[in-house]
Amino acid sequence: CKVFVLTLKTGGTGLNLTAADIVFIFDPWWNKSAENQAIDRTHRIGQNKKVISYKLITLGTIEEEILKLQEVKSALLDSIISSDGASVKALSEDEIEFILGK
């Protein structure tokens, strides 16, 4: 069994990991796109296996809070941008500050 251990940020940048078929996320990032990009490194030309990804979250930890933050930000994004991406709804000052992390 071969294992390649990377941080989320190093695993999501400039690599093709087509030899991998299982991905474990131990350190979720507040921006879900960073996680998706790291997982997508296994889905490149040359991948011939089914890829399975797991996100391991323990109750009562900072990782659980990050997961909740991802869900809130995703719901907010869905509520302000239409499904076709062509129209953007108006944002309140509080929503803009939340998105920018102020």
PDB file of N, CA and C in Angstrom:
ATOM      1  N   CYS A   1       0.852  -1.176   0.000  1.00  0.00           N
ATOM      2  CA  CYS A   1       0.000   0.000   0.000  1.00  0.00           C
ATOM      3  C   CYS A   1       0.896   1.236   0.000  1.00  0.00           C
ATOM      4  N   LYS A   2       0.732   2.084  -0.973  1.00  0.00           N
ATOM      5  CA  LYS A   2       1.507   3.311  -1.056  1.00  0.00           C
ATOM      6  C   LYS A   2       0.639   4.478  -0.616  1.00  0.00           C
ATOM      7  N   VAL A   3       1.221   5.383   0.181  1.00  0.00           N
ATOM      8  CA  VAL A   3       0.507   6.544   0.695  1.00  0.00           C
ATOM      9  C   VAL A   3       1.325   7.787   0.386  1.00  0.00           C
ATOM     10  N   PHE A   4       0.651   8.818  -0.067  1.00  0.00           N
ATOM     11  CA  PHE A   4       1.277  10.094  -0.364  1.00  0.00           C
ATOM     12  C   PHE A   4       0.575  11.124   0.505  1.00  0.00           C
ATOM     13  N   VAL A   5       1.265  11.692   1.482  1.00  0.00           N
ATOM     14  CA  VAL A   5       0.664  12.621   2.429  1.00  0.00           C
ATOM     15  C   VAL A   5       1.019  14.054   2.031  1.00  0.00           C
ATOM     16  N   LEU A   6      -0.015  14.870   1.865  1.00  0.00           N
ATOM     17  CA  LEU A   6       0.153  16.269   1.471  1.00  0.00           C
ATOM     18  C   LEU A   6      -0.775  17.139   2.310  1.00  0.00           C
ATOM     19  N   THR A   7      -0.408  18.386   2.464  1.00  0.00           N
ATOM     20  CA  THR A   7      -1.370  19.325   3.028  1.00  0.00           C
ATOM     21  C   THR A   7      -2.380  19.647   1.935  1.00  0.00           C
ATOM     22  N   LEU A   8      -3.496  20.196   2.338  1.00  0.00           N
ATOM     23  CA  LEU A   8      -4.539  20.527   1.369  1.00  0.00           C
ATOM     24  C   LEU A   8      -4.029  21.512   0.333  1.00  0.00           C
ATOM     25  N   LYS A   9      -3.276  22.507   0.756  1.00  0.00           N
ATOM     26  CA  LYS A   9      -2.797  23.519  -0.178  1.00  0.00           C
ATOM     27  C   LYS A   9      -1.740  22.965  -1.137  1.00  0.00           C
ATOM     28  N   THR A  10      -0.829  22.124  -0.670  1.00  0.00           N
ATOM     29  CA  THR A  10       0.172  21.573  -1.588  1.00  0.00           C
ATOM     30  C   THR A  10      -0.443  20.522  -2.495  1.00  0.00           C
ATOM     31  N   GLY A  11      -1.447  19.798  -2.010  1.00  0.00           N
ATOM     32  CA  GLY A  11      -2.112  18.799  -2.836  1.00  0.00           C
ATOM     33  C   GLY A  11      -3.027  19.395  -3.878  1.00  0.00           C
ATOM     34  N   GLY A  12      -3.340  20.663  -3.741  1.00  0.00           N
ATOM     35  CA  GLY A  12      -4.256  21.300  -4.682  1.00  0.00           C
ATOM     36  C   GLY A  12      -3.579  22.175  -5.711  1.00  0.00           C
ATOM     37  N   THR A  13      -2.259  22.122  -5.773  1.00  0.00           N
ATOM     38  CA  THR A  13      -1.544  23.035  -6.660  1.00  0.00           C
ATOM     39  C   THR A  13      -0.549  22.291  -7.534  1.00  0.00           C
ATOM     40  N   GLY A  14      -0.744  22.344  -8.839  1.00  0.00           N
ATOM     41  CA  GLY A  14       0.259  21.914  -9.806  1.00  0.00           C
ATOM     42  C   GLY A  14       0.621  20.454  -9.835  1.00  0.00           C
ATOM     43  N   LEU A  15      -0.244  19.579  -9.366  1.00  0.00           N
ATOM     44  CA  LEU A  15       0.068  18.152  -9.366  1.00  0.00           C
ATOM     45  C   LEU A  15      -0.968  17.366 -10.153  1.00  0.00           C
ATOM     46  N   ASN A  16      -0.523  16.293 -10.757  1.00  0.00           N
ATOM     47  CA  ASN A  16      -1.432  15.299 -11.314  1.00  0.00           C
ATOM     48  C   ASN A  16      -1.241  14.045 -10.468  1.00  0.00           C
ATOM     49  N   LEU A  17      -2.280  13.646  -9.786  1.00  0.00           N
ATOM     50  CA  LEU A  17      -2.204  12.505  -8.876  1.00  0.00           C
ATOM     51  C   LEU A  17      -3.034  11.342  -9.401  1.00  0.00           C
ATOM     52  N   THR A  18      -2.840  10.997 -10.654  1.00  0.00           N
ATOM     53  CA  THR A  18      -3.676   9.967 -11.276  1.00  0.00           C
ATOM     54  C   THR A  18      -3.389   8.577 -10.742  1.00  0.00           C
ATOM     55  N   ALA A  19      -2.313   8.373 -10.005  1.00  0.00           N
ATOM     56  CA  ALA A  19      -2.056   7.070  -9.390  1.00  0.00           C
ATOM     57  C   ALA A  19      -2.949   6.867  -8.169  1.00  0.00           C
ATOM     58  N   ALA A  20      -3.527   7.956  -7.647  1.00  0.00           N
ATOM     59  CA  ALA A  20      -4.372   7.875  -6.451  1.00  0.00           C
ATOM     60  C   ALA A  20      -5.799   7.502  -6.828  1.00  0.00           C
ATOM     61  N   ASP A  21      -6.428   6.711  -5.964  1.00  0.00           N
ATOM     62  CA  ASP A  21      -7.842   6.421  -6.162  1.00  0.00           C
ATOM     63  C   ASP A  21      -8.669   6.655  -4.898  1.00  0.00           C
ATOM     64  N   ILE A  22      -8.003   7.015  -3.802  1.00  0.00           N
ATOM     65  CA  ILE A  22      -8.693   7.379  -2.563  1.00  0.00           C
ATOM     66  C   ILE A  22      -8.059   8.653  -2.029  1.00  0.00           C
ATOM     67  N   VAL A  23      -8.907   9.621  -1.656  1.00  0.00           N
ATOM     68  CA  VAL A  23      -8.442  10.890  -1.109  1.00  0.00           C
ATOM     69  C   VAL A  23      -9.107  11.085   0.247  1.00  0.00           C
ATOM     70  N   PHE A  24      -8.304  11.400   1.253  1.00  0.00           N
ATOM     71  CA  PHE A  24      -8.816  11.732   2.581  1.00  0.00           C
ATOM     72  C   PHE A  24      -8.525  13.200   2.850  1.00  0.00           C
ATOM     73  N   ILE A  25      -9.556  13.957   3.224  1.00  0.00           N
ATOM     74  CA  ILE A  25      -9.381  15.348   3.629  1.00  0.00           C
ATOM     75  C   ILE A  25      -9.449  15.378   5.158  1.00  0.00           C
ATOM     76  N   PHE A  26      -8.314  15.678   5.795  1.00  0.00           N
ATOM     77  CA  PHE A  26      -8.247  15.776   7.252  1.00  0.00           C
ATOM     78  C   PHE A  26      -8.275  17.223   7.720  1.00  0.00           C
ATOM     79  N   ASP A  27      -7.895  18.135   6.841  1.00  0.00           N
ATOM     80  CA  ASP A  27      -7.781  19.547   7.215  1.00  0.00           C
ATOM     81  C   ASP A  27      -8.641  20.410   6.299  1.00  0.00           C
ATOM     82  N   PRO A  28      -9.957  20.460   6.549  1.00  0.00           N
ATOM     83  CA  PRO A  28     -10.826  21.226   5.661  1.00  0.00           C
ATOM     84  C   PRO A  28     -10.433  22.699   5.651  1.00  0.00           C
ATOM     85  N   TRP A  29     -10.670  23.325   4.529  1.00  0.00           N
ATOM     86  CA  TRP A  29     -10.352  24.735   4.331  1.00  0.00           C
ATOM     87  C   TRP A  29     -11.642  25.509   4.308  1.00  0.00           C
ATOM     88  N   TRP A  30     -11.647  26.755   4.760  1.00  0.00           N
ATOM     89  CA  TRP A  30     -12.875  27.544   4.793  1.00  0.00           C
ATOM     90  C   TRP A  30     -13.450  27.745   3.406  1.00  0.00           C
ATOM     91  N   ASN A  31     -12.599  27.687   2.398  1.00  0.00           N
ATOM     92  CA  ASN A  31     -13.030  27.827   1.010  1.00  0.00           C
ATOM     93  C   ASN A  31     -13.122  26.435   0.377  1.00  0.00           C
ATOM     94  N   LYS A  32     -14.318  25.967   0.150  1.00  0.00           N
ATOM     95  CA  LYS A  32     -14.528  24.613  -0.377  1.00  0.00           C
ATOM     96  C   LYS A  32     -13.838  24.400  -1.723  1.00  0.00           C
ATOM     97  N   SER A  33     -13.643  25.457  -2.472  1.00  0.00           N
ATOM     98  CA  SER A  33     -12.974  25.338  -3.773  1.00  0.00           C
ATOM     99  C   SER A  33     -11.563  24.781  -3.632  1.00  0.00           C
ATOM    100  N   ALA A  34     -10.878  25.119  -2.548  1.00  0.00           N
ATOM    101  CA  ALA A  34      -9.525  24.597  -2.321  1.00  0.00           C
ATOM    102  C   ALA A  34      -9.564  23.078  -2.142  1.00  0.00           C
ATOM    103  N   GLU A  35     -10.562  22.583  -1.435  1.00  0.00           N
ATOM    104  CA  GLU A  35     -10.725  21.133  -1.270  1.00  0.00           C
ATOM    105  C   GLU A  35     -11.045  20.474  -2.602  1.00  0.00           C
ATOM    106  N   ASN A  36     -11.974  21.068  -3.334  1.00  0.00           N
ATOM    107  CA  ASN A  36     -12.358  20.500  -4.629  1.00  0.00           C
ATOM    108  C   ASN A  36     -11.174  20.447  -5.583  1.00  0.00           C
ATOM    109  N   GLN A  37     -10.360  21.490  -5.568  1.00  0.00           N
ATOM    110  CA  GLN A  37      -9.206  21.522  -6.458  1.00  0.00           C
ATOM    111  C   GLN A  37      -8.215  20.411  -6.089  1.00  0.00           C
ATOM    112  N   ALA A  38      -8.013  20.186  -4.796  1.00  0.00           N
ATOM    113  CA  ALA A  38      -7.104  19.121  -4.373  1.00  0.00           C
ATOM    114  C   ALA A  38      -7.632  17.749  -4.802  1.00  0.00           C
ATOM    115  N   ILE A  39      -8.919  17.523  -4.638  1.00  0.00           N
ATOM    116  CA  ILE A  39      -9.523  16.250  -5.049  1.00  0.00           C
ATOM    117  C   ILE A  39      -9.458  16.097  -6.559  1.00  0.00           C
ATOM    118  N   ASP A  40      -9.674  17.190  -7.274  1.00  0.00           N
ATOM    119  CA  ASP A  40      -9.656  17.148  -8.741  1.00  0.00           C
ATOM    120  C   ASP A  40      -8.295  16.779  -9.306  1.00  0.00           C
ATOM    121  N   ARG A  41      -7.246  16.887  -8.513  1.00  0.00           N
ATOM    122  CA  ARG A  41      -5.907  16.494  -8.982  1.00  0.00           C
ATOM    123  C   ARG A  41      -5.836  15.003  -9.302  1.00  0.00           C
ATOM    124  N   THR A  42      -6.751  14.221  -8.758  1.00  0.00           N
ATOM    125  CA  THR A  42      -6.789  12.790  -9.071  1.00  0.00           C
ATOM    126  C   THR A  42      -7.586  12.508 -10.336  1.00  0.00           C
ATOM    127  N   HIS A  43      -8.388  13.467 -10.773  1.00  0.00           N
ATOM    128  CA  HIS A  43      -9.232  13.311 -11.966  1.00  0.00           C
ATOM    129  C   HIS A  43      -8.571  13.988 -13.161  1.00  0.00           C
ATOM    130  N   ARG A  44      -7.497  13.450 -13.616  1.00  0.00           N
ATOM    131  CA  ARG A  44      -6.771  14.012 -14.749  1.00  0.00           C
ATOM    132  C   ARG A  44      -6.683  12.971 -15.858  1.00  0.00           C
ATOM    133  N   ILE A  45      -6.238  13.408 -17.022  1.00  0.00           N
ATOM    134  CA  ILE A  45      -6.034  12.476 -18.134  1.00  0.00           C
ATOM    135  C   ILE A  45      -5.062  11.404 -17.674  1.00  0.00           C
ATOM    136  N   GLY A  46      -5.430  10.178 -17.870  1.00  0.00           N
ATOM    137  CA  GLY A  46      -4.609   9.057 -17.435  1.00  0.00           C
ATOM    138  C   GLY A  46      -5.215   8.312 -16.252  1.00  0.00           C
ATOM    139  N   GLN A  47      -6.203   8.911 -15.606  1.00  0.00           N
ATOM    140  CA  GLN A  47      -6.858   8.224 -14.492  1.00  0.00           C
ATOM    141  C   GLN A  47      -7.768   7.141 -15.055  1.00  0.00           C
ATOM    142  N   ASN A  48      -7.549   5.914 -14.638  1.00  0.00           N
ATOM    143  CA  ASN A  48      -8.360   4.810 -15.152  1.00  0.00           C
ATOM    144  C   ASN A  48      -9.110   4.083 -14.041  1.00  0.00           C
ATOM    145  N   LYS A  49      -9.103   4.647 -12.828  1.00  0.00           N
ATOM    146  CA  LYS A  49      -9.803   4.038 -11.699  1.00  0.00           C
ATOM    147  C   LYS A  49     -10.886   4.980 -11.178  1.00  0.00           C
ATOM    148  N   LYS A  50     -11.839   4.412 -10.491  1.00  0.00           N
ATOM    149  CA  LYS A  50     -12.845   5.208  -9.809  1.00  0.00           C
ATOM    150  C   LYS A  50     -12.179   5.855  -8.595  1.00  0.00           C
ATOM    151  N   VAL A  51     -12.392   7.157  -8.411  1.00  0.00           N
ATOM    152  CA  VAL A  51     -11.790   7.890  -7.295  1.00  0.00           C
ATOM    153  C   VAL A  51     -12.850   8.119  -6.219  1.00  0.00           C
ATOM    154  N   ILE A  52     -12.480   7.837  -4.979  1.00  0.00           N
ATOM    155  CA  ILE A  52     -13.365   8.042  -3.832  1.00  0.00           C
ATOM    156  C   ILE A  52     -12.684   9.048  -2.912  1.00  0.00           C
ATOM    157  N   SER A  53     -13.448  10.054  -2.465  1.00  0.00           N
ATOM    158  CA  SER A  53     -12.881  11.012  -1.520  1.00  0.00           C
ATOM    159  C   SER A  53     -13.694  10.996  -0.232  1.00  0.00           C
ATOM    160  N   TYR A  54     -12.977  11.128   0.881  1.00  0.00           N
ATOM    161  CA  TYR A  54     -13.578  11.153   2.207  1.00  0.00           C
ATOM    162  C   TYR A  54     -13.158  12.435   2.902  1.00  0.00           C
ATOM    163  N   LYS A  55     -14.087  13.033   3.623  1.00  0.00           N
ATOM    164  CA  LYS A  55     -13.771  14.174   4.472  1.00  0.00           C
ATOM    165  C   LYS A  55     -14.057  13.731   5.900  1.00  0.00           C
ATOM    166  N   LEU A  56     -13.021  13.702   6.726  1.00  0.00           N
ATOM    167  CA  LEU A  56     -13.157  13.221   8.097  1.00  0.00           C
ATOM    168  C   LEU A  56     -13.317  14.408   9.044  1.00  0.00           C
ATOM    169  N   ILE A  57     -14.496  14.478   9.668  1.00  0.00           N
ATOM    170  CA  ILE A  57     -14.823  15.578  10.573  1.00  0.00           C
ATOM    171  C   ILE A  57     -15.222  14.979  11.922  1.00  0.00           C
ATOM    172  N   THR A  58     -14.625  15.483  12.994  1.00  0.00           N
ATOM    173  CA  THR A  58     -14.940  15.027  14.347  1.00  0.00           C
ATOM    174  C   THR A  58     -15.846  16.053  15.007  1.00  0.00           C
ATOM    175  N   LEU A  59     -16.883  15.578  15.694  1.00  0.00           N
ATOM    176  CA  LEU A  59     -17.814  16.468  16.383  1.00  0.00           C
ATOM    177  C   LEU A  59     -17.096  17.296  17.438  1.00  0.00           C
ATOM    178  N   GLY A  60     -17.488  18.557  17.545  1.00  0.00           N
ATOM    179  CA  GLY A  60     -16.955  19.434  18.574  1.00  0.00           C
ATOM    180  C   GLY A  60     -15.557  19.964  18.302  1.00  0.00           C
ATOM    181  N   THR A  61     -15.122  19.942  17.049  1.00  0.00           N
ATOM    182  CA  THR A  61     -13.780  20.418  16.712  1.00  0.00           C
ATOM    183  C   THR A  61     -13.860  21.631  15.792  1.00  0.00           C
ATOM    184  N   ILE A  62     -12.725  22.258  15.578  1.00  0.00           N
ATOM    185  CA  ILE A  62     -12.659  23.397  14.664  1.00  0.00           C
ATOM    186  C   ILE A  62     -13.026  22.960  13.242  1.00  0.00           C
ATOM    187  N   GLU A  63     -12.708  21.715  12.899  1.00  0.00           N
ATOM    188  CA  GLU A  63     -13.050  21.213  11.571  1.00  0.00           C
ATOM    189  C   GLU A  63     -14.569  21.197  11.362  1.00  0.00           C
ATOM    190  N   GLU A  64     -15.314  20.883  12.418  1.00  0.00           N
ATOM    191  CA  GLU A  64     -16.773  20.913  12.320  1.00  0.00           C
ATOM    192  C   GLU A  64     -17.261  22.341  12.081  1.00  0.00           C
ATOM    193  N   GLU A  65     -16.640  23.313  12.728  1.00  0.00           N
ATOM    194  CA  GLU A  65     -17.010  24.709  12.527  1.00  0.00           C
ATOM    195  C   GLU A  65     -16.667  25.174  11.116  1.00  0.00           C
ATOM    196  N   ILE A  66     -15.544  24.720  10.583  1.00  0.00           N
ATOM    197  CA  ILE A  66     -15.170  25.063   9.210  1.00  0.00           C
ATOM    198  C   ILE A  66     -16.177  24.480   8.227  1.00  0.00           C
ATOM    199  N   LEU A  67     -16.629  23.251   8.466  1.00  0.00           N
ATOM    200  CA  LEU A  67     -17.635  22.634   7.613  1.00  0.00           C
ATOM    201  C   LEU A  67     -18.932  23.447   7.628  1.00  0.00           C
ATOM    202  N   LYS A  68     -19.344  23.906   8.801  1.00  0.00           N
ATOM    203  CA  LYS A  68     -20.543  24.746   8.903  1.00  0.00           C
ATOM    204  C   LYS A  68     -20.349  26.053   8.133  1.00  0.00           C
ATOM    205  N   LEU A  69     -19.160  26.644   8.247  1.00  0.00           N
ATOM    206  CA  LEU A  69     -18.867  27.881   7.527  1.00  0.00           C
ATOM    207  C   LEU A  69     -18.939  27.659   6.021  1.00  0.00           C
ATOM    208  N   GLN A  70     -18.419  26.526   5.551  1.00  0.00           N
ATOM    209  CA  GLN A  70     -18.508  26.196   4.119  1.00  0.00           C
ATOM    210  C   GLN A  70     -19.962  26.140   3.673  1.00  0.00           C
ATOM    211  N   GLU A  71     -20.808  25.512   4.483  1.00  0.00           N
ATOM    212  CA  GLU A  71     -22.218  25.367   4.134  1.00  0.00           C
ATOM    213  C   GLU A  71     -22.915  26.726   4.087  1.00  0.00           C
ATOM    214  N   VAL A  72     -22.616  27.590   5.053  1.00  0.00           N
ATOM    215  CA  VAL A  72     -23.238  28.916   5.087  1.00  0.00           C
ATOM    216  C   VAL A  72     -22.798  29.731   3.878  1.00  0.00           C
ATOM    217  N   LYS A  73     -21.509  29.711   3.576  1.00  0.00           N
ATOM    218  CA  LYS A  73     -21.005  30.483   2.436  1.00  0.00           C
ATOM    219  C   LYS A  73     -21.570  29.942   1.120  1.00  0.00           C
ATOM    220  N   SER A  74     -21.712  28.629   1.012  1.00  0.00           N
ATOM    221  CA  SER A  74     -22.270  28.034  -0.196  1.00  0.00           C
ATOM    222  C   SER A  74     -23.735  28.436  -0.367  1.00  0.00           C
ATOM    223  N   ALA A  75     -24.494  28.400   0.729  1.00  0.00           N
ATOM    224  CA  ALA A  75     -25.908  28.799   0.665  1.00  0.00           C
ATOM    225  C   ALA A  75     -26.038  30.275   0.310  1.00  0.00           C
ATOM    226  N   LEU A  76     -25.164  31.104   0.862  1.00  0.00           N
ATOM    227  CA  LEU A  76     -25.193  32.527   0.550  1.00  0.00           C
ATOM    228  C   LEU A  76     -24.883  32.766  -0.922  1.00  0.00           C
ATOM    229  N   LEU A  77     -23.885  32.082  -1.436  1.00  0.00           N
ATOM    230  CA  LEU A  77     -23.543  32.217  -2.848  1.00  0.00           C
ATOM    231  C   LEU A  77     -24.705  31.788  -3.734  1.00  0.00           C
ATOM    232  N   ASP A  78     -25.334  30.667  -3.384  1.00  0.00           N
ATOM    233  CA  ASP A  78     -26.480  30.193  -4.160  1.00  0.00           C
ATOM    234  C   ASP A  78     -27.632  31.192  -4.128  1.00  0.00           C
ATOM    235  N   SER A  79     -27.776  31.899  -3.006  1.00  0.00           N
ATOM    236  CA  SER A  79     -28.899  32.833  -2.895  1.00  0.00           C
ATOM    237  C   SER A  79     -28.653  34.151  -3.625  1.00  0.00           C
ATOM    238  N   ILE A  80     -27.368  34.469  -3.937  1.00  0.00           N
ATOM    239  CA  ILE A  80     -27.111  35.757  -4.579  1.00  0.00           C
ATOM    240  C   ILE A  80     -26.830  35.654  -6.066  1.00  0.00           C
ATOM    241  N   ILE A  81     -26.497  34.463  -6.534  1.00  0.00           N
ATOM    242  CA  ILE A  81     -26.217  34.294  -7.957  1.00  0.00           C
ATOM    243  C   ILE A  81     -27.247  33.330  -8.528  1.00  0.00           C
ATOM    244  N   SER A  82     -27.861  33.718  -9.636  1.00  0.00           N
ATOM    245  CA  SER A  82     -28.872  32.865 -10.251  1.00  0.00           C
ATOM    246  C   SER A  82     -28.233  31.600 -10.800  1.00  0.00           C
ATOM    247  N   SER A  83     -29.039  30.603 -11.061  1.00  0.00           N
ATOM    248  CA  SER A  83     -28.520  29.313 -11.534  1.00  0.00           C
ATOM    249  C   SER A  83     -27.815  29.421 -12.877  1.00  0.00           C
ATOM    250  N   ASP A  84     -28.207  30.391 -13.706  1.00  0.00           N
ATOM    251  CA  ASP A  84     -27.542  30.552 -14.996  1.00  0.00           C
ATOM    252  C   ASP A  84     -26.312  31.447 -14.906  1.00  0.00           C
ATOM    253  N   GLY A  85     -26.071  32.047 -13.721  1.00  0.00           N
ATOM    254  CA  GLY A  85     -24.901  32.886 -13.518  1.00  0.00           C
ATOM    255  C   GLY A  85     -24.985  34.237 -14.185  1.00  0.00           C
ATOM    256  N   ALA A  86     -26.094  34.519 -14.837  1.00  0.00           N
ATOM    257  CA  ALA A  86     -26.195  35.760 -15.591  1.00  0.00           C
ATOM    258  C   ALA A  86     -26.605  36.940 -14.719  1.00  0.00           C
ATOM    259  N   SER A  87     -27.360  36.677 -13.675  1.00  0.00           N
ATOM    260  CA  SER A  87     -27.820  37.800 -12.856  1.00  0.00           C
ATOM    261  C   SER A  87     -27.354  37.644 -11.414  1.00  0.00           C
ATOM    262  N   VAL A  88     -27.017  38.761 -10.839  1.00  0.00           N
ATOM    263  CA  VAL A  88     -26.571  38.806  -9.451  1.00  0.00           C
ATOM    264  C   VAL A  88     -27.586  39.622  -8.674  1.00  0.00           C
ATOM    265  N   LYS A  89     -28.014  39.105  -7.533  1.00  0.00           N
ATOM    266  CA  LYS A  89     -28.969  39.808  -6.701  1.00  0.00           C
ATOM    267  C   LYS A  89     -28.243  40.845  -5.847  1.00  0.00           C
ATOM    268  N   ALA A  90     -28.981  41.783  -5.286  1.00  0.00           N
ATOM    269  CA  ALA A  90     -28.391  42.822  -4.436  1.00  0.00           C
ATOM    270  C   ALA A  90     -27.943  42.215  -3.106  1.00  0.00           C
ATOM    271  N   LEU A  91     -26.814  42.712  -2.600  1.00  0.00           N
ATOM    272  CA  LEU A  91     -26.270  42.256  -1.320  1.00  0.00           C
ATOM    273  C   LEU A  91     -26.377  43.361  -0.291  1.00  0.00           C
ATOM    274  N   SER A  92     -26.639  42.970   0.963  1.00  0.00           N
ATOM    275  CA  SER A  92     -26.616  43.947   2.046  1.00  0.00           C
ATOM    276  C   SER A  92     -25.172  44.168   2.473  1.00  0.00           C
ATOM    277  N   GLU A  93     -24.944  45.224   3.213  1.00  0.00           N
ATOM    278  CA  GLU A  93     -23.593  45.518   3.698  1.00  0.00           C
ATOM    279  C   GLU A  93     -23.090  44.388   4.597  1.00  0.00           C
ATOM    280  N   ASP A  94     -23.967  43.829   5.439  1.00  0.00           N
ATOM    281  CA  ASP A  94     -23.581  42.711   6.315  1.00  0.00           C
ATOM    282  C   ASP A  94     -23.166  41.484   5.511  1.00  0.00           C
ATOM    283  N   GLU A  95     -23.893  41.184   4.429  1.00  0.00           N
ATOM    284  CA  GLU A  95     -23.546  40.036   3.592  1.00  0.00           C
ATOM    285  C   GLU A  95     -22.198  40.231   2.905  1.00  0.00           C
ATOM    286  N   ILE A  96     -21.932  41.433   2.452  1.00  0.00           N
ATOM    287  CA  ILE A  96     -20.646  41.718   1.801  1.00  0.00           C
ATOM    288  C   ILE A  96     -19.510  41.555   2.807  1.00  0.00           C
ATOM    289  N   GLU A  97     -19.695  42.062   4.032  1.00  0.00           N
ATOM    290  CA  GLU A  97     -18.671  41.914   5.068  1.00  0.00           C
ATOM    291  C   GLU A  97     -18.454  40.441   5.411  1.00  0.00           C
ATOM    292  N   PHE A  98     -19.535  39.652   5.460  1.00  0.00           N
ATOM    293  CA  PHE A  98     -19.398  38.231   5.759  1.00  0.00           C
ATOM    294  C   PHE A  98     -18.605  37.527   4.674  1.00  0.00           C
ATOM    295  N   ILE A  99     -18.911  37.810   3.418  1.00  0.00           N
ATOM    296  CA  ILE A  99     -18.198  37.188   2.303  1.00  0.00           C
ATOM    297  C   ILE A  99     -16.718  37.554   2.340  1.00  0.00           C
ATOM    298  N   LEU A 100     -16.419  38.795   2.655  1.00  0.00           N
ATOM    299  CA  LEU A 100     -15.034  39.248   2.692  1.00  0.00           C
ATOM    300  C   LEU A 100     -14.323  38.878   3.977  1.00  0.00           C
ATOM    301  N   GLY A 101     -15.067  38.322   4.931  1.00  0.00           N
ATOM    302  CA  GLY A 101     -14.447  37.859   6.166  1.00  0.00           C
ATOM    303  C   GLY A 101     -14.155  38.952   7.165  1.00  0.00           C
ATOM    304  N   LYS A 102     -14.895  40.046   7.110  1.00  0.00           N
ATOM    305  CA  LYS A 102     -14.667  41.140   8.069  1.00  0.00           C
ATOM    306  C   LYS A 102     -15.444  40.915   9.325  1.00  0.00           C
TER     307      LYS A 102
END
